[in-house]
Amino acid sequence: MEKNIKIAHQFYFINPSSQNTSNEFYGTLENLPNLVSDLKINEIVFSSDAIGMHRIIKTMSAIGNAVSYKIGSDQSLAIIGSNNKSAQGNILVIDREFSIESGLAQRTKRLIDIFVSLIILLLFPFIYLITGMNTKVFSNALSVALNDKTWIGYGGSQKDYSSLPMLKPCIIEVPLCNEVILYSDDFASQENRKYALQYKPWTDIKLIFFNAFRLAN
């Protein structure tokens, strides 16, 4: 007589922060090696959106080959890993198009650049005051109007956006528009990628409005 056996899979969520202040998480990344042993975990899935690669590699080195590993990313929809802890990992990638790469997005972004530049040049006295009487905002407006620069663009070092669709040098860097107290090593690359993937015209308008004090960068 055959019996149907159902195997229950238990999932544990680990806080990438060193402080575990939520009941949502079972522990922290620092005590993950101990949890693997105590809970008899056989597979670990890392999110590269929440944890930098250097921390992932460091954690994998500490745990060793006792478990199988996978690395996923919401932004790229990519999973790297293997079901066999002794075998080389496979790569499964589902490409997502960068919204900013489309012809419509490029044309709209250019129109926003021109419009904002014209507004700045027309409202000379007001803009001059809100930027702390800095005349560089007008040279920036001229550079953007002539298509030498763009108002909003990538930030960080070149490696943080080298794999993304090309943009003109910018006045306001996207990663610097976020109010973050503690920056991770890959923060700039993540913000640049998110900007390119999820770009909408309103994105540039909103960032320019809330970062008007950066127009003279």
C-alpha atoms as a PDB file:
ATOM      1  CA  MET A   1       0.000   0.000   0.000  1.00  0.00           C
ATOM      2  CA  GLU A   2       1.514   3.304  -1.137  1.00  0.00           C
ATOM      3  CA  LYS A   3       1.524   6.307   1.118  1.00  0.00           C
ATOM      4  CA  ASN A   4       1.770   9.903   0.017  1.00  0.00           C
ATOM      5  CA  ILE A   5       4.517  11.603   1.978  1.00  0.00           C
ATOM      6  CA  LYS A   6       4.555  15.388   2.063  1.00  0.00           C
ATOM      7  CA  ILE A   7       7.796  17.083   2.969  1.00  0.00           C
ATOM      8  CA  ALA A   8       7.356  20.450   4.636  1.00  0.00           C
ATOM      9  CA  HIS A   9       9.910  23.109   3.848  1.00  0.00           C
ATOM     10  CA  GLN A  10      10.766  25.594   6.553  1.00  0.00           C
ATOM     11  CA  PHE A  11      11.916  29.073   5.572  1.00  0.00           C
ATOM     12  CA  TYR A  12      13.864  31.445   7.789  1.00  0.00           C
ATOM     13  CA  PHE A  13      14.415  35.123   7.015  1.00  0.00           C
ATOM     14  CA  ILE A  14      17.678  36.698   8.106  1.00  0.00           C
ATOM     15  CA  ASN A  15      18.172  40.397   8.761  1.00  0.00           C
ATOM     16  CA  PRO A  16      21.116  41.734   6.692  1.00  0.00           C
ATOM     17  CA  SER A  17      21.638  44.334   9.416  1.00  0.00           C
ATOM     18  CA  SER A  18      23.741  43.520  12.460  1.00  0.00           C
ATOM     19  CA  GLN A  19      20.797  44.347  14.724  1.00  0.00           C
ATOM     20  CA  ASN A  20      17.746  42.102  14.808  1.00  0.00           C
ATOM     21  CA  THR A  21      14.918  44.354  15.995  1.00  0.00           C
ATOM     22  CA  SER A  22      12.012  42.711  14.197  1.00  0.00           C
ATOM     23  CA  ASN A  23      10.108  39.508  14.802  1.00  0.00           C
ATOM     24  CA  GLU A  24      10.053  39.071  11.049  1.00  0.00           C
ATOM     25  CA  PHE A  25      13.671  37.881  11.121  1.00  0.00           C
ATOM     26  CA  TYR A  26      15.055  34.759  12.749  1.00  0.00           C
ATOM     27  CA  GLY A  27      18.553  36.147  13.171  1.00  0.00           C
ATOM     28  CA  THR A  28      21.230  38.290  11.587  1.00  0.00           C
ATOM     29  CA  LEU A  29      23.789  37.699   8.882  1.00  0.00           C
ATOM     30  CA  GLU A  30      26.559  37.615  11.490  1.00  0.00           C
ATOM     31  CA  ASN A  31      25.087  34.595  13.312  1.00  0.00           C
ATOM     32  CA  LEU A  32      24.006  32.768  10.135  1.00  0.00           C
ATOM     33  CA  PRO A  33      26.837  30.185  10.368  1.00  0.00           C
ATOM     34  CA  ASN A  34      25.549  29.125  13.802  1.00  0.00           C
ATOM     35  CA  LEU A  35      21.941  29.042  12.567  1.00  0.00           C
ATOM     36  CA  VAL A  36      22.926  26.747   9.701  1.00  0.00           C
ATOM     37  CA  SER A  37      24.213  24.222  12.184  1.00  0.00           C
ATOM     38  CA  ASP A  38      21.463  24.624  14.789  1.00  0.00           C
ATOM     39  CA  LEU A  39      18.556  24.556  12.323  1.00  0.00           C
ATOM     40  CA  LYS A  40      20.096  22.012   9.933  1.00  0.00           C
ATOM     41  CA  ILE A  41      19.698  24.358   6.965  1.00  0.00           C
ATOM     42  CA  ASN A  42      20.599  22.868   3.578  1.00  0.00           C
ATOM     43  CA  GLU A  43      20.156  25.858   1.270  1.00  0.00           C
ATOM     44  CA  ILE A  44      20.738  29.595   1.562  1.00  0.00           C
ATOM     45  CA  VAL A  45      19.366  32.209  -0.840  1.00  0.00           C
ATOM     46  CA  PHE A  46      21.053  35.622  -0.714  1.00  0.00           C
ATOM     47  CA  SER A  47      19.493  38.817  -2.060  1.00  0.00           C
ATOM     48  CA  SER A  48      22.151  40.930  -3.756  1.00  0.00           C
ATOM     49  CA  ASP A  49      19.740  43.883  -3.467  1.00  0.00           C
ATOM     50  CA  ALA A  50      20.023  43.786   0.335  1.00  0.00           C
ATOM     51  CA  ILE A  51      23.568  42.483   0.784  1.00  0.00           C
ATOM     52  CA  GLY A  52      26.751  43.485  -1.034  1.00  0.00           C
ATOM     53  CA  MET A  53      28.690  40.786  -2.874  1.00  0.00           C
ATOM     54  CA  HIS A  54      31.671  41.108  -0.555  1.00  0.00           C
ATOM     55  CA  ARG A  55      29.460  40.255   2.453  1.00  0.00           C
ATOM     56  CA  ILE A  56      27.862  37.361   0.572  1.00  0.00           C
ATOM     57  CA  ILE A  57      31.256  35.881  -0.294  1.00  0.00           C
ATOM     58  CA  LYS A  58      32.521  36.405   3.263  1.00  0.00           C
ATOM     59  CA  THR A  59      29.464  34.618   4.690  1.00  0.00           C
ATOM     60  CA  MET A  60      29.766  31.736   2.213  1.00  0.00           C
ATOM     61  CA  SER A  61      33.426  31.333   3.161  1.00  0.00           C
ATOM     62  CA  ALA A  62      32.524  31.194   6.837  1.00  0.00           C
ATOM     63  CA  ILE A  63      29.843  28.522   6.309  1.00  0.00           C
ATOM     64  CA  GLY A  64      31.735  26.423   3.775  1.00  0.00           C
ATOM     65  CA  ASN A  65      30.251  23.774   1.492  1.00  0.00           C
ATOM     66  CA  ALA A  66      27.846  22.355   4.064  1.00  0.00           C
ATOM     67  CA  VAL A  67      24.918  23.926   2.188  1.00  0.00           C
ATOM     68  CA  SER A  68      23.991  24.913  -1.354  1.00  0.00           C
ATOM     69  CA  TYR A  69      23.824  28.597  -2.252  1.00  0.00           C
ATOM     70  CA  LYS A  70      21.767  30.789  -4.534  1.00  0.00           C
ATOM     71  CA  ILE A  71      22.073  34.523  -5.191  1.00  0.00           C
ATOM     72  CA  GLY A  72      19.022  36.415  -6.440  1.00  0.00           C
ATOM     73  CA  SER A  73      18.207  39.975  -7.385  1.00  0.00           C
ATOM     74  CA  ASP A  74      14.821  41.616  -7.787  1.00  0.00           C
ATOM     75  CA  GLN A  75      16.302  44.263 -10.049  1.00  0.00           C
ATOM     76  CA  SER A  76      17.808  41.898 -12.608  1.00  0.00           C
ATOM     77  CA  LEU A  77      15.509  38.902 -12.005  1.00  0.00           C
ATOM     78  CA  ALA A  78      18.629  36.758 -11.968  1.00  0.00           C
ATOM     79  CA  ILE A  79      19.339  33.699  -9.876  1.00  0.00           C
ATOM     80  CA  ILE A  80      22.802  32.218  -9.652  1.00  0.00           C
ATOM     81  CA  GLY A  81      23.253  28.917  -7.883  1.00  0.00           C
ATOM     82  CA  SER A  82      23.133  25.161  -7.925  1.00  0.00           C
ATOM     83  CA  ASN A  83      20.942  22.482  -6.414  1.00  0.00           C
ATOM     84  CA  ASN A  84      24.080  20.471  -5.801  1.00  0.00           C
ATOM     85  CA  LYS A  85      26.463  21.975  -3.260  1.00  0.00           C
ATOM     86  CA  SER A  86      29.386  20.147  -4.858  1.00  0.00           C
ATOM     87  CA  ALA A  87      28.615  21.174  -8.430  1.00  0.00           C
ATOM     88  CA  GLN A  88      29.326  24.365 -10.286  1.00  0.00           C
ATOM     89  CA  GLY A  89      26.444  26.824 -10.182  1.00  0.00           C
ATOM     90  CA  ASN A  90      24.085  27.501 -13.022  1.00  0.00           C
ATOM     91  CA  ILE A  91      22.919  30.915 -14.074  1.00  0.00           C
ATOM     92  CA  LEU A  92      19.310  31.685 -14.860  1.00  0.00           C
ATOM     93  CA  VAL A  93      18.724  35.199 -16.130  1.00  0.00           C
ATOM     94  CA  ILE A  94      15.468  36.824 -17.171  1.00  0.00           C
ATOM     95  CA  ASP A  95      16.397  40.108 -18.752  1.00  0.00           C
ATOM     96  CA  ARG A  96      14.441  43.255 -18.040  1.00  0.00           C
ATOM     97  CA  GLU A  97      14.512  46.201 -20.384  1.00  0.00           C
ATOM     98  CA  PHE A  98      15.792  49.495 -19.067  1.00  0.00           C
ATOM     99  CA  SER A  99      12.915  51.983 -19.254  1.00  0.00           C
ATOM    100  CA  ILE A 100      15.341  54.844 -19.826  1.00  0.00           C
ATOM    101  CA  GLU A 101      16.664  53.143 -22.965  1.00  0.00           C
ATOM    102  CA  SER A 102      13.476  53.511 -24.989  1.00  0.00           C
ATOM    103  CA  GLY A 103      13.264  56.184 -27.663  1.00  0.00           C
ATOM    104  CA  LEU A 104      10.251  57.773 -26.000  1.00  0.00           C
ATOM    105  CA  ALA A 105      12.032  58.005 -22.635  1.00  0.00           C
ATOM    106  CA  GLN A 106      15.115  59.535 -24.249  1.00  0.00           C
ATOM    107  CA  ARG A 107      13.066  62.163 -26.099  1.00  0.00           C
ATOM    108  CA  THR A 108      10.984  62.985 -23.013  1.00  0.00           C
ATOM    109  CA  LYS A 109      14.072  63.287 -20.841  1.00  0.00           C
ATOM    110  CA  ARG A 110      15.608  65.665 -23.380  1.00  0.00           C
ATOM    111  CA  LEU A 111      12.452  67.800 -23.455  1.00  0.00           C
ATOM    112  CA  ILE A 112      12.459  68.007 -19.650  1.00  0.00           C
ATOM    113  CA  ASP A 113      16.096  69.101 -19.733  1.00  0.00           C
ATOM    114  CA  ILE A 114      15.361  71.854 -22.247  1.00  0.00           C
ATOM    115  CA  PHE A 115      12.222  73.021 -20.415  1.00  0.00           C
ATOM    116  CA  VAL A 116      13.954  73.243 -17.024  1.00  0.00           C
ATOM    117  CA  SER A 117      16.921  75.066 -18.572  1.00  0.00           C
ATOM    118  CA  LEU A 118      14.627  77.638 -20.172  1.00  0.00           C
ATOM    119  CA  ILE A 119      12.725  78.155 -16.903  1.00  0.00           C
ATOM    120  CA  ILE A 120      16.009  78.763 -15.061  1.00  0.00           C
ATOM    121  CA  LEU A 121      17.191  81.290 -17.636  1.00  0.00           C
ATOM    122  CA  LEU A 122      13.836  83.103 -17.645  1.00  0.00           C
ATOM    123  CA  LEU A 123      13.546  83.197 -13.837  1.00  0.00           C
ATOM    124  CA  PHE A 124      17.066  84.495 -13.351  1.00  0.00           C
ATOM    125  CA  PRO A 125      16.545  86.573 -10.127  1.00  0.00           C
ATOM    126  CA  PHE A 126      14.520  83.929  -8.268  1.00  0.00           C
ATOM    127  CA  ILE A 127      16.811  81.016  -9.189  1.00  0.00           C
ATOM    128  CA  TYR A 128      19.828  83.147  -8.321  1.00  0.00           C
ATOM    129  CA  LEU A 129      18.505  83.588  -4.784  1.00  0.00           C
ATOM    130  CA  ILE A 130      17.433  79.972  -4.054  1.00  0.00           C
ATOM    131  CA  THR A 131      20.816  78.667  -5.185  1.00  0.00           C
ATOM    132  CA  GLY A 132      22.644  80.980  -2.791  1.00  0.00           C
ATOM    133  CA  MET A 133      23.551  83.571  -5.424  1.00  0.00           C
ATOM    134  CA  ASN A 134      25.628  81.007  -7.297  1.00  0.00           C
ATOM    135  CA  THR A 135      26.024  81.837 -10.981  1.00  0.00           C
ATOM    136  CA  LYS A 136      27.083  78.291 -11.858  1.00  0.00           C
ATOM    137  CA  VAL A 137      23.429  77.298 -12.157  1.00  0.00           C
ATOM    138  CA  PHE A 138      23.244  79.384 -15.338  1.00  0.00           C
ATOM    139  CA  SER A 139      26.308  77.802 -16.911  1.00  0.00           C
ATOM    140  CA  ASN A 140      24.763  74.432 -16.023  1.00  0.00           C
ATOM    141  CA  ALA A 141      21.488  75.449 -17.672  1.00  0.00           C
ATOM    142  CA  LEU A 142      23.375  76.445 -20.809  1.00  0.00           C
ATOM    143  CA  SER A 143      25.305  73.141 -20.873  1.00  0.00           C
ATOM    144  CA  VAL A 144      22.071  71.162 -20.517  1.00  0.00           C
ATOM    145  CA  ALA A 145      20.288  73.261 -23.144  1.00  0.00           C
ATOM    146  CA  LEU A 146      23.146  72.572 -25.582  1.00  0.00           C
ATOM    147  CA  ASN A 147      22.875  68.834 -24.835  1.00  0.00           C
ATOM    148  CA  ASP A 148      26.340  68.635 -23.285  1.00  0.00           C
ATOM    149  CA  LYS A 149      24.850  67.560 -19.935  1.00  0.00           C
ATOM    150  CA  THR A 150      21.596  66.355 -18.395  1.00  0.00           C
ATOM    151  CA  TRP A 151      20.008  67.538 -15.155  1.00  0.00           C
ATOM    152  CA  ILE A 152      19.513  64.074 -13.621  1.00  0.00           C
ATOM    153  CA  GLY A 153      21.830  61.134 -14.148  1.00  0.00           C
ATOM    154  CA  TYR A 154      24.039  58.455 -12.685  1.00  0.00           C
ATOM    155  CA  GLY A 155      26.334  58.966  -9.703  1.00  0.00           C
ATOM    156  CA  GLY A 156      29.251  57.307  -7.991  1.00  0.00           C
ATOM    157  CA  SER A 157      32.303  56.009  -9.816  1.00  0.00           C
ATOM    158  CA  GLN A 158      32.223  54.848 -13.425  1.00  0.00           C
ATOM    159  CA  LYS A 159      31.999  51.195 -12.407  1.00  0.00           C
ATOM    160  CA  ASP A 160      28.669  51.987 -10.725  1.00  0.00           C
ATOM    161  CA  TYR A 161      26.985  52.666 -14.072  1.00  0.00           C
ATOM    162  CA  SER A 162      29.278  51.320 -16.799  1.00  0.00           C
ATOM    163  CA  SER A 163      26.846  48.480 -17.618  1.00  0.00           C
ATOM    164  CA  LEU A 164      23.804  50.801 -17.852  1.00  0.00           C
ATOM    165  CA  PRO A 165      22.416  52.702 -20.866  1.00  0.00           C
ATOM    166  CA  MET A 166      24.583  55.709 -21.638  1.00  0.00           C
ATOM    167  CA  LEU A 167      23.550  59.138 -20.370  1.00  0.00           C
ATOM    168  CA  LYS A 168      25.144  62.551 -20.618  1.00  0.00           C
ATOM    169  CA  PRO A 169      27.205  63.772 -17.638  1.00  0.00           C
ATOM    170  CA  CYS A 170      24.748  65.059 -15.057  1.00  0.00           C
ATOM    171  CA  ILE A 171      24.316  67.984 -12.702  1.00  0.00           C
ATOM    172  CA  ILE A 172      22.363  66.079 -10.023  1.00  0.00           C
ATOM    173  CA  GLU A 173      23.406  62.502  -9.245  1.00  0.00           C
ATOM    174  CA  VAL A 174      20.585  60.080  -8.456  1.00  0.00           C
ATOM    175  CA  PRO A 175      22.322  58.281  -5.528  1.00  0.00           C
ATOM    176  CA  LEU A 176      22.877  61.606  -3.751  1.00  0.00           C
ATOM    177  CA  CYS A 177      19.151  62.419  -3.856  1.00  0.00           C
ATOM    178  CA  ASN A 178      18.379  59.834  -1.172  1.00  0.00           C
ATOM    179  CA  GLU A 179      18.468  60.654   2.514  1.00  0.00           C
ATOM    180  CA  VAL A 180      20.526  57.717   3.735  1.00  0.00           C
ATOM    181  CA  ILE A 181      22.582  57.778   6.922  1.00  0.00           C
ATOM    182  CA  LEU A 182      24.699  54.692   6.229  1.00  0.00           C
ATOM    183  CA  TYR A 183      25.667  53.887   2.647  1.00  0.00           C
ATOM    184  CA  SER A 184      26.548  50.342   1.606  1.00  0.00           C
ATOM    185  CA  ASP A 185      29.414  49.739  -0.810  1.00  0.00           C
ATOM    186  CA  ASP A 186      27.041  49.009  -3.687  1.00  0.00           C
ATOM    187  CA  PHE A 187      24.471  51.692  -2.864  1.00  0.00           C
ATOM    188  CA  ALA A 188      25.344  53.908  -5.854  1.00  0.00           C
ATOM    189  CA  SER A 189      25.202  51.058  -8.361  1.00  0.00           C
ATOM    190  CA  GLN A 190      21.840  49.890  -6.997  1.00  0.00           C
ATOM    191  CA  GLU A 191      20.320  53.384  -7.176  1.00  0.00           C
ATOM    192  CA  ASN A 192      21.668  53.939 -10.695  1.00  0.00           C
ATOM    193  CA  ARG A 193      20.262  50.624 -11.865  1.00  0.00           C
ATOM    194  CA  LYS A 194      16.872  51.276 -10.271  1.00  0.00           C
ATOM    195  CA  TYR A 195      16.739  54.690 -11.962  1.00  0.00           C
ATOM    196  CA  ALA A 196      17.498  53.186 -15.385  1.00  0.00           C
ATOM    197  CA  LEU A 197      15.071  50.285 -14.941  1.00  0.00           C
ATOM    198  CA  GLN A 198      12.125  52.214 -13.531  1.00  0.00           C
ATOM    199  CA  TYR A 199      12.602  55.563 -15.270  1.00  0.00           C
ATOM    200  CA  LYS A 200       9.529  57.738 -15.786  1.00  0.00           C
ATOM    201  CA  PRO A 201       9.449  61.422 -16.844  1.00  0.00           C
ATOM    202  CA  TRP A 202       7.974  62.293 -13.455  1.00  0.00           C
ATOM    203  CA  THR A 203      11.138  60.885 -11.863  1.00  0.00           C
ATOM    204  CA  ASP A 204      13.308  63.667 -13.281  1.00  0.00           C
ATOM    205  CA  ILE A 205      10.752  66.378 -12.528  1.00  0.00           C
ATOM    206  CA  LYS A 206      10.411  65.246  -8.903  1.00  0.00           C
ATOM    207  CA  LEU A 207      14.164  64.938  -8.351  1.00  0.00           C
ATOM    208  CA  ILE A 208      14.839  68.378  -9.840  1.00  0.00           C
ATOM    209  CA  PHE A 209      12.109  69.969  -7.711  1.00  0.00           C
ATOM    210  CA  PHE A 210      13.258  68.424  -4.414  1.00  0.00           C
ATOM    211  CA  ASN A 211      16.938  68.990  -5.193  1.00  0.00           C
ATOM    212  CA  ALA A 212      16.748  72.555  -6.508  1.00  0.00           C
ATOM    213  CA  PHE A 213      19.611  73.497  -4.186  1.00  0.00           C
ATOM    214  CA  ARG A 214      21.842  71.163  -6.236  1.00  0.00           C
ATOM    215  CA  LEU A 215      21.214  72.957  -9.537  1.00  0.00           C
ATOM    216  CA  ALA A 216      24.485  74.834  -9.112  1.00  0.00           C
ATOM    217  CA  ASN A 217      26.588  71.678  -8.535  1.00  0.00           C
END
